[in-house]
Amino acid sequence: MQSSLISKIEKARIYAEELERFQVLSLRCDVRGDSTTHTAELGPDGWDCDCYFFQDAKTCSHTMALERVLDQMLPERYRPAVPSAQ
């Protein structure tokens, strides 16, 4: 293997361990719920989800789950109010 590729692989490993290096700015994700699949998105205006609950509450189990999964990779204004206990 080329030494330059080996160094890139090592650098990727280091980056992957330091989640504070990442900031998710936009995302579109299908979340398979118990009864159906919903599309949740993070964009410039914040979270959105196509489920009925989100339309009224502006939050839902789908977006809250993504907040927990992405945690420190989200801009602070989109992080969960209560940190996840992992």
C-alpha atoms as a PDB file:
ATOM      1  CA  MET A   1       0.000   0.000   0.000  1.00  0.00           C
ATOM      2  CA  GLN A   2       1.280   3.481  -0.767  1.00  0.00           C
ATOM      3  CA  SER A   3       2.639   5.331   2.246  1.00  0.00           C
ATOM      4  CA  SER A   4       0.505   8.381   1.400  1.00  0.00           C
ATOM      5  CA  LEU A   5      -2.652   6.235   1.511  1.00  0.00           C
ATOM      6  CA  ILE A   6      -1.550   4.656   4.786  1.00  0.00           C
ATOM      7  CA  SER A   7      -1.091   8.102   6.327  1.00  0.00           C
ATOM      8  CA  LYS A   8      -4.566   9.154   5.097  1.00  0.00           C
ATOM      9  CA  ILE A   9      -6.111   6.051   6.667  1.00  0.00           C
ATOM     10  CA  GLU A  10      -4.380   6.831   9.965  1.00  0.00           C
ATOM     11  CA  LYS A  11      -5.510  10.448   9.810  1.00  0.00           C
ATOM     12  CA  ALA A  12      -9.099   9.302   9.156  1.00  0.00           C
ATOM     13  CA  ARG A  13      -8.941   7.041  12.216  1.00  0.00           C
ATOM     14  CA  ILE A  14      -7.790   9.949  14.384  1.00  0.00           C
ATOM     15  CA  TYR A  15     -10.487  12.255  13.005  1.00  0.00           C
ATOM     16  CA  ALA A  16     -13.171   9.632  13.608  1.00  0.00           C
ATOM     17  CA  GLU A  17     -12.195   9.458  17.283  1.00  0.00           C
ATOM     18  CA  GLU A  18     -12.430  13.247  17.694  1.00  0.00           C
ATOM     19  CA  LEU A  19     -16.096  13.969  17.025  1.00  0.00           C
ATOM     20  CA  GLU A  20     -15.682  17.628  17.984  1.00  0.00           C
ATOM     21  CA  ARG A  21     -13.976  18.083  14.605  1.00  0.00           C
ATOM     22  CA  PHE A  22     -17.292  17.472  12.834  1.00  0.00           C
ATOM     23  CA  GLN A  23     -20.343  19.666  12.525  1.00  0.00           C
ATOM     24  CA  VAL A  24     -23.378  18.400  10.636  1.00  0.00           C
ATOM     25  CA  LEU A  25     -24.895  21.378   8.802  1.00  0.00           C
ATOM     26  CA  SER A  26     -27.568  19.577   6.806  1.00  0.00           C
ATOM     27  CA  LEU A  27     -28.974  16.082   6.796  1.00  0.00           C
ATOM     28  CA  ARG A  28     -31.912  14.145   5.383  1.00  0.00           C
ATOM     29  CA  CYS A  29     -32.585  10.797   6.955  1.00  0.00           C
ATOM     30  CA  ASP A  30     -35.280   8.134   6.876  1.00  0.00           C
ATOM     31  CA  VAL A  31     -36.154   6.897  10.354  1.00  0.00           C
ATOM     32  CA  ARG A  32     -37.952   3.551  10.522  1.00  0.00           C
ATOM     33  CA  GLY A  33     -40.489   3.812  13.306  1.00  0.00           C
ATOM     34  CA  ASP A  34     -42.617   1.078  14.826  1.00  0.00           C
ATOM     35  CA  SER A  35     -45.469   1.669  12.392  1.00  0.00           C
ATOM     36  CA  THR A  36     -43.992   3.541   9.423  1.00  0.00           C
ATOM     37  CA  THR A  37     -40.895   5.289   8.086  1.00  0.00           C
ATOM     38  CA  HIS A  38     -40.570   9.063   8.432  1.00  0.00           C
ATOM     39  CA  THR A  39     -38.162  11.507   6.835  1.00  0.00           C
ATOM     40  CA  ALA A  40     -36.400  13.843   9.255  1.00  0.00           C
ATOM     41  CA  GLU A  41     -34.233  16.714   8.046  1.00  0.00           C
ATOM     42  CA  LEU A  42     -31.804  19.211   9.498  1.00  0.00           C
ATOM     43  CA  GLY A  43     -31.342  22.360   7.456  1.00  0.00           C
ATOM     44  CA  PRO A  44     -30.536  26.048   7.922  1.00  0.00           C
ATOM     45  CA  ASP A  45     -33.829  26.609   9.771  1.00  0.00           C
ATOM     46  CA  GLY A  46     -33.439  23.628  12.106  1.00  0.00           C
ATOM     47  CA  TRP A  47     -35.223  20.300  12.305  1.00  0.00           C
ATOM     48  CA  ASP A  48     -38.190  19.134  10.250  1.00  0.00           C
ATOM     49  CA  CYS A  49     -40.012  15.806  10.117  1.00  0.00           C
ATOM     50  CA  ASP A  50     -42.939  14.588   8.054  1.00  0.00           C
ATOM     51  CA  CYS A  51     -44.689  12.942  11.030  1.00  0.00           C
ATOM     52  CA  TYR A  52     -47.932  14.398  12.378  1.00  0.00           C
ATOM     53  CA  PHE A  53     -46.563  15.046  15.872  1.00  0.00           C
ATOM     54  CA  PHE A  54     -43.775  17.277  14.565  1.00  0.00           C
ATOM     55  CA  GLN A  55     -46.233  19.510  12.699  1.00  0.00           C
ATOM     56  CA  ASP A  56     -47.758  20.634  16.024  1.00  0.00           C
ATOM     57  CA  ALA A  57     -44.910  20.251  18.516  1.00  0.00           C
ATOM     58  CA  LYS A  58     -41.899  21.166  16.297  1.00  0.00           C
ATOM     59  CA  THR A  59     -40.118  18.152  17.782  1.00  0.00           C
ATOM     60  CA  CYS A  60     -40.737  14.413  17.708  1.00  0.00           C
ATOM     61  CA  SER A  61     -39.185  11.087  18.608  1.00  0.00           C
ATOM     62  CA  HIS A  62     -37.502  10.950  15.185  1.00  0.00           C
ATOM     63  CA  THR A  63     -35.665  14.286  15.503  1.00  0.00           C
ATOM     64  CA  MET A  64     -34.885  13.669  19.186  1.00  0.00           C
ATOM     65  CA  ALA A  65     -33.350  10.296  18.303  1.00  0.00           C
ATOM     66  CA  LEU A  66     -31.184  11.936  15.633  1.00  0.00           C
ATOM     67  CA  GLU A  67     -30.078  14.580  18.147  1.00  0.00           C
ATOM     68  CA  ARG A  68     -28.887  11.785  20.411  1.00  0.00           C
ATOM     69  CA  VAL A  69     -27.157   9.882  17.606  1.00  0.00           C
ATOM     70  CA  LEU A  70     -25.365  12.953  16.248  1.00  0.00           C
ATOM     71  CA  ASP A  71     -24.838  14.654  19.642  1.00  0.00           C
ATOM     72  CA  GLN A  72     -21.528  16.579  19.530  1.00  0.00           C
ATOM     73  CA  MET A  73     -21.479  16.721  15.726  1.00  0.00           C
ATOM     74  CA  LEU A  74     -24.474  19.087  15.696  1.00  0.00           C
ATOM     75  CA  PRO A  75     -24.165  22.854  15.978  1.00  0.00           C
ATOM     76  CA  GLU A  76     -24.881  23.693  19.615  1.00  0.00           C
ATOM     77  CA  ARG A  77     -28.280  25.262  18.860  1.00  0.00           C
ATOM     78  CA  TYR A  78     -29.508  21.891  17.513  1.00  0.00           C
ATOM     79  CA  ARG A  79     -28.147  19.684  20.290  1.00  0.00           C
ATOM     80  CA  PRO A  80     -30.478  18.065  22.815  1.00  0.00           C
ATOM     81  CA  ALA A  81     -31.335  20.237  25.809  1.00  0.00           C
ATOM     82  CA  VAL A  82     -30.594  17.272  28.068  1.00  0.00           C
ATOM     83  CA  PRO A  83     -27.343  15.462  27.175  1.00  0.00           C
ATOM     84  CA  SER A  84     -27.716  11.772  26.432  1.00  0.00           C
ATOM     85  CA  ALA A  85     -26.416   9.373  29.060  1.00  0.00           C
ATOM     86  CA  GLN A  86     -24.372   6.858  27.083  1.00  0.00           C
END
